[in-house]
Amino acid sequence: MTQGRFIKKIVMIVLATGLALVTSASDSVENKGAEDITLQGGSLGNVTLGHYRHQNALGNCNVCHGLFPRAFGSIRKLEEQGQLKNRRVMKECQACHRDRAAKGEKAGPTACRGCHKK
């Protein structure tokens, strides 16, 4: 191997390593939203969603965000526009909690007062 080819190979390795480091660093600092999110819960009181806890437990953001976008106030906005039925999010949460509990997995509350707090 000539010295020129050797140098090109080293440069390519350094660039590839640098790209890998930048990519992994950007993944680790990705904005994952608020740690906790307060949802309007009607007459029973608001619901404080442990957002980070749910991310860690579910591992797939689309479990929830397939229903509504990843934006502050998106649930309320969709409800006001008539694009998300009243209590739809709550029913999704309840179904998930109950399904996990039935499987013997760690699950969130299944009764109303477990999530809604005045």
PDB file of N, CA and C in Angstrom:
ATOM      1  N   MET A   1       0.859  -1.170   0.000  1.00  0.00           N
ATOM      2  CA  MET A   1       0.000   0.000   0.000  1.00  0.00           C
ATOM      3  C   MET A   1       0.903   1.230   0.000  1.00  0.00           C
ATOM      4  N   THR A   2       0.560   2.191  -0.861  1.00  0.00           N
ATOM      5  CA  THR A   2       1.362   3.405  -0.926  1.00  0.00           C
ATOM      6  C   THR A   2       1.017   4.300   0.252  1.00  0.00           C
ATOM      7  N   GLN A   3       1.911   5.243   0.507  1.00  0.00           N
ATOM      8  CA  GLN A   3       1.720   6.159   1.635  1.00  0.00           C
ATOM      9  C   GLN A   3       0.452   6.998   1.426  1.00  0.00           C
ATOM     10  N   GLY A   4       0.167   7.411   0.180  1.00  0.00           N
ATOM     11  CA  GLY A   4      -1.031   8.196  -0.125  1.00  0.00           C
ATOM     12  C   GLY A   4      -2.308   7.430   0.175  1.00  0.00           C
ATOM     13  N   ARG A   5      -2.328   6.153  -0.207  1.00  0.00           N
ATOM     14  CA  ARG A   5      -3.507   5.326   0.055  1.00  0.00           C
ATOM     15  C   ARG A   5      -3.684   5.103   1.555  1.00  0.00           C
ATOM     16  N   PHE A   6      -2.582   4.906   2.251  1.00  0.00           N
ATOM     17  CA  PHE A   6      -2.614   4.696   3.692  1.00  0.00           C
ATOM     18  C   PHE A   6      -3.213   5.929   4.378  1.00  0.00           C
ATOM     19  N   ILE A   7      -2.777   7.117   3.980  1.00  0.00           N
ATOM     20  CA  ILE A   7      -3.276   8.359   4.577  1.00  0.00           C
ATOM     21  C   ILE A   7      -4.771   8.519   4.283  1.00  0.00           C
ATOM     22  N   LYS A   8      -5.193   8.225   3.049  1.00  0.00           N
ATOM     23  CA  LYS A   8      -6.609   8.313   2.706  1.00  0.00           C
ATOM     24  C   LYS A   8      -7.437   7.362   3.565  1.00  0.00           C
ATOM     25  N   LYS A   9      -6.898   6.161   3.789  1.00  0.00           N
ATOM     26  CA  LYS A   9      -7.611   5.175   4.599  1.00  0.00           C
ATOM     27  C   LYS A   9      -7.759   5.673   6.036  1.00  0.00           C
ATOM     28  N   ILE A  10      -6.705   6.248   6.585  1.00  0.00           N
ATOM     29  CA  ILE A  10      -6.734   6.777   7.959  1.00  0.00           C
ATOM     30  C   ILE A  10      -7.746   7.924   8.043  1.00  0.00           C
ATOM     31  N   VAL A  11      -7.732   8.813   7.040  1.00  0.00           N
ATOM     32  CA  VAL A  11      -8.661   9.941   7.030  1.00  0.00           C
ATOM     33  C   VAL A  11     -10.102   9.434   6.996  1.00  0.00           C
ATOM     34  N   MET A  12     -10.377   8.429   6.186  1.00  0.00           N
ATOM     35  CA  MET A  12     -11.727   7.876   6.099  1.00  0.00           C
ATOM     36  C   MET A  12     -12.160   7.259   7.425  1.00  0.00           C
ATOM     37  N   ILE A  13     -11.260   6.574   8.090  1.00  0.00           N
ATOM     38  CA  ILE A  13     -11.575   5.969   9.390  1.00  0.00           C
ATOM     39  C   ILE A  13     -11.877   7.053  10.418  1.00  0.00           C
ATOM     40  N   VAL A  14     -11.068   8.100  10.429  1.00  0.00           N
ATOM     41  CA  VAL A  14     -11.270   9.207  11.374  1.00  0.00           C
ATOM     42  C   VAL A  14     -12.611   9.889  11.090  1.00  0.00           C
ATOM     43  N   LEU A  15     -12.927  10.139   9.821  1.00  0.00           N
ATOM     44  CA  LEU A  15     -14.200  10.772   9.470  1.00  0.00           C
ATOM     45  C   LEU A  15     -15.394   9.892   9.853  1.00  0.00           C
ATOM     46  N   ALA A  16     -15.296   8.613   9.587  1.00  0.00           N
ATOM     47  CA  ALA A  16     -16.383   7.693   9.933  1.00  0.00           C
ATOM     48  C   ALA A  16     -16.588   7.645  11.443  1.00  0.00           C
ATOM     49  N   THR A  17     -15.497   7.612  12.194  1.00  0.00           N
ATOM     50  CA  THR A  17     -15.586   7.600  13.658  1.00  0.00           C
ATOM     51  C   THR A  17     -16.211   8.898  14.159  1.00  0.00           C
ATOM     52  N   GLY A  18     -15.789  10.016  13.597  1.00  0.00           N
ATOM     53  CA  GLY A  18     -16.350  11.315  13.987  1.00  0.00           C
ATOM     54  C   GLY A  18     -17.837  11.392  13.703  1.00  0.00           C
ATOM     55  N   LEU A  19     -18.244  10.903  12.549  1.00  0.00           N
ATOM     56  CA  LEU A  19     -19.661  10.903  12.193  1.00  0.00           C
ATOM     57  C   LEU A  19     -20.465  10.040  13.163  1.00  0.00           C
ATOM     58  N   ALA A  20     -19.919   8.889  13.515  1.00  0.00           N
ATOM     59  CA  ALA A  20     -20.605   8.000  14.462  1.00  0.00           C
ATOM     60  C   ALA A  20     -20.759   8.676  15.823  1.00  0.00           C
ATOM     61  N   LEU A  21     -19.719   9.378  16.265  1.00  0.00           N
ATOM     62  CA  LEU A  21     -19.787  10.071  17.556  1.00  0.00           C
ATOM     63  C   LEU A  21     -20.812  11.196  17.528  1.00  0.00           C
ATOM     64  N   VAL A  22     -20.839  11.964  16.456  1.00  0.00           N
ATOM     65  CA  VAL A  22     -21.801  13.063  16.337  1.00  0.00           C
ATOM     66  C   VAL A  22     -23.218  12.516  16.309  1.00  0.00           C
ATOM     67  N   THR A  23     -23.443  11.446  15.577  1.00  0.00           N
ATOM     68  CA  THR A  23     -24.770  10.845  15.490  1.00  0.00           C
ATOM     69  C   THR A  23     -25.230  10.333  16.845  1.00  0.00           C
ATOM     70  N   SER A  24     -24.372   9.627  17.564  1.00  0.00           N
ATOM     71  CA  SER A  24     -24.777   9.101  18.869  1.00  0.00           C
ATOM     72  C   SER A  24     -24.969  10.221  19.871  1.00  0.00           C
ATOM     73  N   ALA A  25     -24.183  11.275  19.781  1.00  0.00           N
ATOM     74  CA  ALA A  25     -24.350  12.412  20.690  1.00  0.00           C
ATOM     75  C   ALA A  25     -25.678  13.105  20.434  1.00  0.00           C
ATOM     76  N   SER A  26     -26.056  13.250  19.169  1.00  0.00           N
ATOM     77  CA  SER A  26     -27.328  13.905  18.876  1.00  0.00           C
ATOM     78  C   SER A  26     -28.499  13.058  19.347  1.00  0.00           C
ATOM     79  N   ASP A  27     -28.390  11.733  19.295  1.00  0.00           N
ATOM     80  CA  ASP A  27     -29.452  10.860  19.801  1.00  0.00           C
ATOM     81  C   ASP A  27     -29.631  11.026  21.299  1.00  0.00           C
ATOM     82  N   SER A  28     -28.531  11.174  22.026  1.00  0.00           N
ATOM     83  CA  SER A  28     -28.617  11.240  23.477  1.00  0.00           C
ATOM     84  C   SER A  28     -29.142  12.583  23.965  1.00  0.00           C
ATOM     85  N   VAL A  29     -29.032  13.639  23.156  1.00  0.00           N
ATOM     86  CA  VAL A  29     -29.533  14.941  23.576  1.00  0.00           C
ATOM     87  C   VAL A  29     -30.841  15.295  22.869  1.00  0.00           C
ATOM     88  N   GLU A  30     -31.432  14.322  22.183  1.00  0.00           N
ATOM     89  CA  GLU A  30     -32.697  14.552  21.500  1.00  0.00           C
ATOM     90  C   GLU A  30     -33.732  15.044  22.501  1.00  0.00           C
ATOM     91  N   ASN A  31     -34.507  16.028  22.077  1.00  0.00           N
ATOM     92  CA  ASN A  31     -35.548  16.561  22.943  1.00  0.00           C
ATOM     93  C   ASN A  31     -36.647  15.514  23.081  1.00  0.00           C
ATOM     94  N   LYS A  32     -36.814  14.997  24.264  1.00  0.00           N
ATOM     95  CA  LYS A  32     -37.812  13.952  24.502  1.00  0.00           C
ATOM     96  C   LYS A  32     -39.027  14.507  25.224  1.00  0.00           C
ATOM     97  N   GLY A  33     -39.162  15.823  25.234  1.00  0.00           N
ATOM     98  CA  GLY A  33     -40.313  16.431  25.885  1.00  0.00           C
ATOM     99  C   GLY A  33     -40.104  16.618  27.368  1.00  0.00           C
ATOM    100  N   ALA A  34     -41.156  17.049  28.023  1.00  0.00           N
ATOM    101  CA  ALA A  34     -41.107  17.312  29.462  1.00  0.00           C
ATOM    102  C   ALA A  34     -41.043  16.007  30.253  1.00  0.00           C
ATOM    103  N   GLU A  35     -40.455  16.094  31.431  1.00  0.00           N
ATOM    104  CA  GLU A  35     -40.385  14.917  32.308  1.00  0.00           C
ATOM    105  C   GLU A  35     -41.783  14.488  32.733  1.00  0.00           C
ATOM    106  N   ASP A  36     -42.598  15.466  33.092  1.00  0.00           N
ATOM    107  CA  ASP A  36     -43.993  15.232  33.467  1.00  0.00           C
ATOM    108  C   ASP A  36     -44.870  16.182  32.665  1.00  0.00           C
ATOM    109  N   ILE A  37     -46.059  15.736  32.316  1.00  0.00           N
ATOM    110  CA  ILE A  37     -46.995  16.555  31.557  1.00  0.00           C
ATOM    111  C   ILE A  37     -48.333  16.542  32.297  1.00  0.00           C
ATOM    112  N   THR A  38     -48.922  17.722  32.471  1.00  0.00           N
ATOM    113  CA  THR A  38     -50.233  17.823  33.110  1.00  0.00           C
ATOM    114  C   THR A  38     -51.293  17.908  32.031  1.00  0.00           C
ATOM    115  N   LEU A  39     -52.213  16.973  32.073  1.00  0.00           N
ATOM    116  CA  LEU A  39     -53.324  16.923  31.121  1.00  0.00           C
ATOM    117  C   LEU A  39     -54.596  17.365  31.816  1.00  0.00           C
ATOM    118  N   GLN A  40     -55.422  18.115  31.103  1.00  0.00           N
ATOM    119  CA  GLN A  40     -56.695  18.535  31.670  1.00  0.00           C
ATOM    120  C   GLN A  40     -57.581  17.313  31.814  1.00  0.00           C
ATOM    121  N   GLY A  41     -58.049  17.080  33.042  1.00  0.00           N
ATOM    122  CA  GLY A  41     -58.784  15.855  33.320  1.00  0.00           C
ATOM    123  C   GLY A  41     -60.244  16.027  33.660  1.00  0.00           C
ATOM    124  N   GLY A  42     -60.790  17.204  33.400  1.00  0.00           N
ATOM    125  CA  GLY A  42     -62.215  17.414  33.654  1.00  0.00           C
ATOM    126  C   GLY A  42     -62.555  17.529  35.126  1.00  0.00           C
ATOM    127  N   SER A  43     -63.775  17.172  35.447  1.00  0.00           N
ATOM    128  CA  SER A  43     -64.295  17.371  36.803  1.00  0.00           C
ATOM    129  C   SER A  43     -63.592  16.515  37.857  1.00  0.00           C
ATOM    130  N   LEU A  44     -62.959  15.430  37.455  1.00  0.00           N
ATOM    131  CA  LEU A  44     -62.252  14.576  38.421  1.00  0.00           C
ATOM    132  C   LEU A  44     -60.877  15.111  38.786  1.00  0.00           C
ATOM    133  N   GLY A  45     -60.419  16.110  38.062  1.00  0.00           N
ATOM    134  CA  GLY A  45     -59.112  16.700  38.327  1.00  0.00           C
ATOM    135  C   GLY A  45     -58.128  16.368  37.219  1.00  0.00           C
ATOM    136  N   ASN A  46     -57.044  17.116  37.194  1.00  0.00           N
ATOM    137  CA  ASN A  46     -56.023  16.937  36.165  1.00  0.00           C
ATOM    138  C   ASN A  46     -55.256  15.636  36.340  1.00  0.00           C
ATOM    139  N   VAL A  47     -54.600  15.242  35.271  1.00  0.00           N
ATOM    140  CA  VAL A  47     -53.788  14.031  35.264  1.00  0.00           C
ATOM    141  C   VAL A  47     -52.343  14.436  35.028  1.00  0.00           C
ATOM    142  N   THR A  48     -51.461  14.041  35.941  1.00  0.00           N
ATOM    143  CA  THR A  48     -50.039  14.276  35.736  1.00  0.00           C
ATOM    144  C   THR A  48     -49.458  13.010  35.128  1.00  0.00           C
ATOM    145  N   LEU A  49     -49.032  13.136  33.890  1.00  0.00           N
ATOM    146  CA  LEU A  49     -48.466  12.010  33.161  1.00  0.00           C
ATOM    147  C   LEU A  49     -46.959  11.994  33.372  1.00  0.00           C
ATOM    148  N   GLY A  50     -46.432  10.908  33.907  1.00  0.00           N
ATOM    149  CA  GLY A  50     -44.984  10.735  34.034  1.00  0.00           C
ATOM    150  C   GLY A  50     -44.416  10.421  32.644  1.00  0.00           C
ATOM    151  N   HIS A  51     -44.140  11.461  31.870  1.00  0.00           N
ATOM    152  CA  HIS A  51     -43.757  11.316  30.471  1.00  0.00           C
ATOM    153  C   HIS A  51     -42.496  10.474  30.317  1.00  0.00           C
ATOM    154  N   TYR A  52     -41.440  10.793  31.067  1.00  0.00           N
ATOM    155  CA  TYR A  52     -40.192  10.010  30.969  1.00  0.00           C
ATOM    156  C   TYR A  52     -40.423   8.561  31.385  1.00  0.00           C
ATOM    157  N   ARG A  53     -41.232   8.361  32.437  1.00  0.00           N
ATOM    158  CA  ARG A  53     -41.536   6.992  32.890  1.00  0.00           C
ATOM    159  C   ARG A  53     -42.208   6.199  31.784  1.00  0.00           C
ATOM    160  N   HIS A  54     -43.148   6.824  31.085  1.00  0.00           N
ATOM    161  CA  HIS A  54     -43.843   6.155  29.991  1.00  0.00           C
ATOM    162  C   HIS A  54     -42.898   5.869  28.832  1.00  0.00           C
ATOM    163  N   GLN A  55     -42.012   6.810  28.523  1.00  0.00           N
ATOM    164  CA  GLN A  55     -41.041   6.588  27.449  1.00  0.00           C
ATOM    165  C   GLN A  55     -40.173   5.381  27.758  1.00  0.00           C
ATOM    166  N   ASN A  56     -39.703   5.310  28.985  1.00  0.00           N
ATOM    167  CA  ASN A  56     -38.833   4.187  29.376  1.00  0.00           C
ATOM    168  C   ASN A  56     -39.591   2.865  29.398  1.00  0.00           C
ATOM    169  N   ALA A  57     -40.830   2.889  29.859  1.00  0.00           N
ATOM    170  CA  ALA A  57     -41.605   1.649  29.966  1.00  0.00           C
ATOM    171  C   ALA A  57     -42.054   1.141  28.594  1.00  0.00           C
ATOM    172  N   LEU A  58     -42.458   2.056  27.716  1.00  0.00           N
ATOM    173  CA  LEU A  58     -43.013   1.652  26.432  1.00  0.00           C
ATOM    174  C   LEU A  58     -41.957   1.507  25.345  1.00  0.00           C
ATOM    175  N   GLY A  59     -40.972   2.397  25.352  1.00  0.00           N
ATOM    176  CA  GLY A  59     -39.888   2.323  24.376  1.00  0.00           C
ATOM    177  C   GLY A  59     -40.283   2.697  22.959  1.00  0.00           C
ATOM    178  N   ASN A  60     -41.543   2.939  22.701  1.00  0.00           N
ATOM    179  CA  ASN A  60     -42.016   3.285  21.367  1.00  0.00           C
ATOM    180  C   ASN A  60     -42.961   4.471  21.497  1.00  0.00           C
ATOM    181  N   CYS A  61     -42.499   5.631  21.064  1.00  0.00           N
ATOM    182  CA  CYS A  61     -43.295   6.857  21.193  1.00  0.00           C
ATOM    183  C   CYS A  61     -44.611   6.784  20.438  1.00  0.00           C
ATOM    184  N   ASN A  62     -44.662   5.989  19.377  1.00  0.00           N
ATOM    185  CA  ASN A  62     -45.875   5.914  18.563  1.00  0.00           C
ATOM    186  C   ASN A  62     -47.024   5.211  19.259  1.00  0.00           C
ATOM    187  N   VAL A  63     -46.760   4.540  20.368  1.00  0.00           N
ATOM    188  CA  VAL A  63     -47.848   3.935  21.140  1.00  0.00           C
ATOM    189  C   VAL A  63     -48.850   5.028  21.500  1.00  0.00           C
ATOM    190  N   CYS A  64     -48.353   6.180  21.913  1.00  0.00           N
ATOM    191  CA  CYS A  64     -49.229   7.319  22.236  1.00  0.00           C
ATOM    192  C   CYS A  64     -49.303   8.314  21.086  1.00  0.00           C
ATOM    193  N   HIS A  65     -48.154   8.622  20.514  1.00  0.00           N
ATOM    194  CA  HIS A  65     -48.109   9.682  19.511  1.00  0.00           C
ATOM    195  C   HIS A  65     -48.608   9.253  18.135  1.00  0.00           C
ATOM    196  N   GLY A  66     -49.085   8.036  18.014  1.00  0.00           N
ATOM    197  CA  GLY A  66     -49.830   7.655  16.827  1.00  0.00           C
ATOM    198  C   GLY A  66     -51.236   8.244  16.883  1.00  0.00           C
ATOM    199  N   LEU A  67     -51.658   8.598  18.091  1.00  0.00           N
ATOM    200  CA  LEU A  67     -52.984   9.167  18.331  1.00  0.00           C
ATOM    201  C   LEU A  67     -52.971  10.695  18.260  1.00  0.00           C
ATOM    202  N   PHE A  68     -51.890  11.303  18.707  1.00  0.00           N
ATOM    203  CA  PHE A  68     -51.778  12.765  18.704  1.00  0.00           C
ATOM    204  C   PHE A  68     -50.313  13.151  18.496  1.00  0.00           C
ATOM    205  N   PRO A  69     -50.072  14.344  17.908  1.00  0.00           N
ATOM    206  CA  PRO A  69     -48.698  14.759  17.597  1.00  0.00           C
ATOM    207  C   PRO A  69     -47.859  15.071  18.828  1.00  0.00           C
ATOM    208  N   ARG A  70     -46.567  15.103  18.611  1.00  0.00           N
ATOM    209  CA  ARG A  70     -45.607  15.454  19.665  1.00  0.00           C
ATOM    210  C   ARG A  70     -45.474  16.970  19.743  1.00  0.00           C
ATOM    211  N   ALA A  71     -46.464  17.614  20.298  1.00  0.00           N
ATOM    212  CA  ALA A  71     -46.431  19.068  20.436  1.00  0.00           C
ATOM    213  C   ALA A  71     -47.227  19.468  21.668  1.00  0.00           C
ATOM    214  N   PHE A  72     -46.744  20.475  22.367  1.00  0.00           N
ATOM    215  CA  PHE A  72     -47.413  20.964  23.566  1.00  0.00           C
ATOM    216  C   PHE A  72     -48.842  21.387  23.217  1.00  0.00           C
ATOM    217  N   GLY A  73     -49.801  20.914  23.967  1.00  0.00           N
ATOM    218  CA  GLY A  73     -51.197  21.293  23.784  1.00  0.00           C
ATOM    219  C   GLY A  73     -51.901  20.607  22.623  1.00  0.00           C
ATOM    220  N   SER A  74     -51.263  19.605  22.032  1.00  0.00           N
ATOM    221  CA  SER A  74     -51.847  18.971  20.845  1.00  0.00           C
ATOM    222  C   SER A  74     -53.155  18.245  21.148  1.00  0.00           C
ATOM    223  N   ILE A  75     -53.270  17.628  22.297  1.00  0.00           N
ATOM    224  CA  ILE A  75     -54.491  16.902  22.641  1.00  0.00           C
ATOM    225  C   ILE A  75     -55.663  17.876  22.734  1.00  0.00           C
ATOM    226  N   ARG A  76     -55.474  18.934  23.488  1.00  0.00           N
ATOM    227  CA  ARG A  76     -56.536  19.936  23.672  1.00  0.00           C
ATOM    228  C   ARG A  76     -56.918  20.540  22.312  1.00  0.00           C
ATOM    229  N   LYS A  77     -55.927  20.856  21.504  1.00  0.00           N
ATOM    230  CA  LYS A  77     -56.182  21.469  20.198  1.00  0.00           C
ATOM    231  C   LYS A  77     -57.008  20.535  19.306  1.00  0.00           C
ATOM    232  N   LEU A  78     -56.640  19.262  19.269  1.00  0.00           N
ATOM    233  CA  LEU A  78     -57.387  18.298  18.457  1.00  0.00           C
ATOM    234  C   LEU A  78     -58.814  18.132  18.958  1.00  0.00           C
ATOM    235  N   GLU A  79     -58.984  18.135  20.289  1.00  0.00           N
ATOM    236  CA  GLU A  79     -60.333  18.026  20.854  1.00  0.00           C
ATOM    237  C   GLU A  79     -61.175  19.239  20.467  1.00  0.00           C
ATOM    238  N   GLU A  80     -60.582  20.430  20.572  1.00  0.00           N
ATOM    239  CA  GLU A  80     -61.304  21.653  20.227  1.00  0.00           C
ATOM    240  C   GLU A  80     -61.692  21.687  18.754  1.00  0.00           C
ATOM    241  N   GLN A  81     -60.857  21.108  17.899  1.00  0.00           N
ATOM    242  CA  GLN A  81     -61.129  21.082  16.464  1.00  0.00           C
ATOM    243  C   GLN A  81     -62.067  19.930  16.083  1.00  0.00           C
ATOM    244  N   GLY A  82     -62.441  19.118  17.061  1.00  0.00           N
ATOM    245  CA  GLY A  82     -63.330  17.996  16.804  1.00  0.00           C
ATOM    246  C   GLY A  82     -62.638  16.827  16.112  1.00  0.00           C
ATOM    247  N   GLN A  83     -61.303  16.816  16.147  1.00  0.00           N
ATOM    248  CA  GLN A  83     -60.542  15.754  15.489  1.00  0.00           C
ATOM    249  C   GLN A  83     -60.148  14.628  16.439  1.00  0.00           C
ATOM    250  N   LEU A  84     -60.435  14.805  17.710  1.00  0.00           N
ATOM    251  CA  LEU A  84     -60.129  13.784  18.715  1.00  0.00           C
ATOM    252  C   LEU A  84     -61.321  13.715  19.653  1.00  0.00           C
ATOM    253  N   LYS A  85     -61.961  12.575  19.692  1.00  0.00           N
ATOM    254  CA  LYS A  85     -63.159  12.422  20.511  1.00  0.00           C
ATOM    255  C   LYS A  85     -62.836  12.614  21.985  1.00  0.00           C
ATOM    256  N   ASN A  86     -63.795  13.166  22.704  1.00  0.00           N
ATOM    257  CA  ASN A  86     -63.679  13.369  24.135  1.00  0.00           C
ATOM    258  C   ASN A  86     -63.354  12.042  24.832  1.00  0.00           C
ATOM    259  N   ARG A  87     -62.417  12.052  25.696  1.00  0.00           N
ATOM    260  CA  ARG A  87     -61.975  10.898  26.492  1.00  0.00           C
ATOM    261  C   ARG A  87     -61.241   9.828  25.686  1.00  0.00           C
ATOM    262  N   ARG A  88     -60.936  10.069  24.445  1.00  0.00           N
ATOM    263  CA  ARG A  88     -60.241   9.074  23.621  1.00  0.00           C
ATOM    264  C   ARG A  88     -58.866   8.744  24.202  1.00  0.00           C
ATOM    265  N   VAL A  89     -58.130   9.785  24.600  1.00  0.00           N
ATOM    266  CA  VAL A  89     -56.800   9.564  25.162  1.00  0.00           C
ATOM    267  C   VAL A  89     -56.923   8.779  26.458  1.00  0.00           C
ATOM    268  N   MET A  90     -57.879   9.150  27.295  1.00  0.00           N
ATOM    269  CA  MET A  90     -58.076   8.450  28.565  1.00  0.00           C
ATOM    270  C   MET A  90     -58.368   6.968  28.320  1.00  0.00           C
ATOM    271  N   LYS A  91     -59.215   6.684  27.344  1.00  0.00           N
ATOM    272  CA  LYS A  91     -59.564   5.289  27.053  1.00  0.00           C
ATOM    273  C   LYS A  91     -58.348   4.502  26.570  1.00  0.00           C
ATOM    274  N   GLU A  92     -57.471   5.151  25.811  1.00  0.00           N
ATOM    275  CA  GLU A  92     -56.239   4.500  25.362  1.00  0.00           C
ATOM    276  C   GLU A  92     -55.339   4.195  26.559  1.00  0.00           C
ATOM    277  N   CYS A  93     -55.226   5.161  27.466  1.00  0.00           N
ATOM    278  CA  CYS A  93     -54.389   4.973  28.659  1.00  0.00           C
ATOM    279  C   CYS A  93     -54.934   3.830  29.523  1.00  0.00           C
ATOM    280  N   GLN A  94     -56.245   3.858  29.761  1.00  0.00           N
ATOM    281  CA  GLN A  94     -56.879   2.808  30.569  1.00  0.00           C
ATOM    282  C   GLN A  94     -56.661   1.432  29.947  1.00  0.00           C
ATOM    283  N   ALA A  95     -56.857   1.341  28.648  1.00  0.00           N
ATOM    284  CA  ALA A  95     -56.713   0.052  27.964  1.00  0.00           C
ATOM    285  C   ALA A  95     -55.283  -0.466  28.102  1.00  0.00           C
ATOM    286  N   CYS A  96     -54.328   0.412  27.949  1.00  0.00           N
ATOM    287  CA  CYS A  96     -52.920   0.006  28.067  1.00  0.00           C
ATOM    288  C   CYS A  96     -52.605  -0.442  29.490  1.00  0.00           C
ATOM    289  N   HIS A  97     -53.029   0.355  30.480  1.00  0.00           N
ATOM    290  CA  HIS A  97     -52.783   0.007  31.881  1.00  0.00           C
ATOM    291  C   HIS A  97     -53.420  -1.342  32.222  1.00  0.00           C
ATOM    292  N   ARG A  98     -54.653  -1.527  31.805  1.00  0.00           N
ATOM    293  CA  ARG A  98     -55.363  -2.776  32.113  1.00  0.00           C
ATOM    294  C   ARG A  98     -54.742  -3.973  31.406  1.00  0.00           C
ATOM    295  N   ASP A  99     -54.335  -3.773  30.160  1.00  0.00           N
ATOM    296  CA  ASP A  99     -53.701  -4.849  29.400  1.00  0.00           C
ATOM    297  C   ASP A  99     -52.389  -5.282  30.054  1.00  0.00           C
ATOM    298  N   ARG A 100     -51.592  -4.309  30.457  1.00  0.00           N
ATOM    299  CA  ARG A 100     -50.308  -4.635  31.108  1.00  0.00           C
ATOM    300  C   ARG A 100     -50.547  -5.330  32.451  1.00  0.00           C
ATOM    301  N   ALA A 101     -51.520  -4.844  33.203  1.00  0.00           N
ATOM    302  CA  ALA A 101     -51.834  -5.460  34.503  1.00  0.00           C
ATOM    303  C   ALA A 101     -52.302  -6.904  34.309  1.00  0.00           C
ATOM    304  N   ALA A 102     -53.125  -7.130  33.298  1.00  0.00           N
ATOM    305  CA  ALA A 102     -53.636  -8.484  33.023  1.00  0.00           C
ATOM    306  C   ALA A 102     -52.507  -9.443  32.648  1.00  0.00           C
ATOM    307  N   LYS A 103     -51.462  -8.911  32.056  1.00  0.00           N
ATOM    308  CA  LYS A 103     -50.300  -9.734  31.677  1.00  0.00           C
ATOM    309  C   LYS A 103     -49.319  -9.906  32.831  1.00  0.00           C
ATOM    310  N   GLY A 104     -49.627  -9.267  33.963  1.00  0.00           N
ATOM    311  CA  GLY A 104     -48.736  -9.354  35.114  1.00  0.00           C
ATOM    312  C   GLY A 104     -47.544  -8.419  35.016  1.00  0.00           C
ATOM    313  N   GLU A 105     -47.605  -7.471  34.087  1.00  0.00           N
ATOM    314  CA  GLU A 105     -46.520  -6.505  33.916  1.00  0.00           C
ATOM    315  C   GLU A 105     -46.776  -5.293  34.801  1.00  0.00           C
ATOM    316  N   LYS A 106     -45.725  -4.527  35.059  1.00  0.00           N
ATOM    317  CA  LYS A 106     -45.875  -3.295  35.820  1.00  0.00           C
ATOM    318  C   LYS A 106     -46.779  -2.367  35.013  1.00  0.00           C
ATOM    319  N   ALA A 107     -47.813  -1.836  35.678  1.00  0.00           N
ATOM    320  CA  ALA A 107     -48.807  -1.033  34.981  1.00  0.00           C
ATOM    321  C   ALA A 107     -49.181   0.186  35.811  1.00  0.00           C
ATOM    322  N   GLY A 108     -49.728   1.161  35.135  1.00  0.00           N
ATOM    323  CA  GLY A 108     -50.245   2.346  35.814  1.00  0.00           C
ATOM    324  C   GLY A 108     -51.595   2.058  36.429  1.00  0.00           C
ATOM    325  N   PRO A 109     -52.169   3.044  37.091  1.00  0.00           N
ATOM    326  CA  PRO A 109     -53.469   2.873  37.739  1.00  0.00           C
ATOM    327  C   PRO A 109     -54.563   2.495  36.737  1.00  0.00           C
ATOM    328  N   THR A 110     -55.552   1.771  37.207  1.00  0.00           N
ATOM    329  CA  THR A 110     -56.673   1.394  36.346  1.00  0.00           C
ATOM    330  C   THR A 110     -57.980   2.030  36.820  1.00  0.00           C
ATOM    331  N   ALA A 111     -58.000   2.590  38.008  1.00  0.00           N
ATOM    332  CA  ALA A 111     -59.184   3.275  38.526  1.00  0.00           C
ATOM    333  C   ALA A 111     -59.029   4.779  38.293  1.00  0.00           C
ATOM    334  N   CYS A 112     -60.137   5.471  38.157  1.00  0.00           N
ATOM    335  CA  CYS A 112     -60.142   6.916  37.837  1.00  0.00           C
ATOM    336  C   CYS A 112     -59.247   7.741  38.769  1.00  0.00           C
ATOM    337  N   ARG A 113     -59.460   7.574  40.053  1.00  0.00           N
ATOM    338  CA  ARG A 113     -58.724   8.380  41.042  1.00  0.00           C
ATOM    339  C   ARG A 113     -57.222   8.049  41.082  1.00  0.00           C
ATOM    340  N   GLY A 114     -56.829   7.005  40.450  1.00  0.00           N
ATOM    341  CA  GLY A 114     -55.401   6.690  40.386  1.00  0.00           C
ATOM    342  C   GLY A 114     -54.624   7.664  39.530  1.00  0.00           C
ATOM    343  N   CYS A 115     -55.293   8.253  38.558  1.00  0.00           N
ATOM    344  CA  CYS A 115     -54.645   9.226  37.658  1.00  0.00           C
ATOM    345  C   CYS A 115     -55.147  10.645  37.902  1.00  0.00           C
ATOM    346  N   HIS A 116     -56.466  10.795  38.090  1.00  0.00           N
ATOM    347  CA  HIS A 116     -57.061  12.125  38.263  1.00  0.00           C
ATOM    348  C   HIS A 116     -56.881  12.600  39.686  1.00  0.00           C
ATOM    349  N   LYS A 117     -56.324  13.801  39.831  1.00  0.00           N
ATOM    350  CA  LYS A 117     -56.098  14.387  41.157  1.00  0.00           C
ATOM    351  C   LYS A 117     -56.638  15.816  41.175  1.00  0.00           C
ATOM    352  N   LYS A 118     -57.407  16.117  42.223  1.00  0.00           N
ATOM    353  CA  LYS A 118     -57.912  17.496  42.390  1.00  0.00           C
ATOM    354  C   LYS A 118     -56.948  18.303  43.204  1.00  0.00           C
TER     355      LYS A 118
END
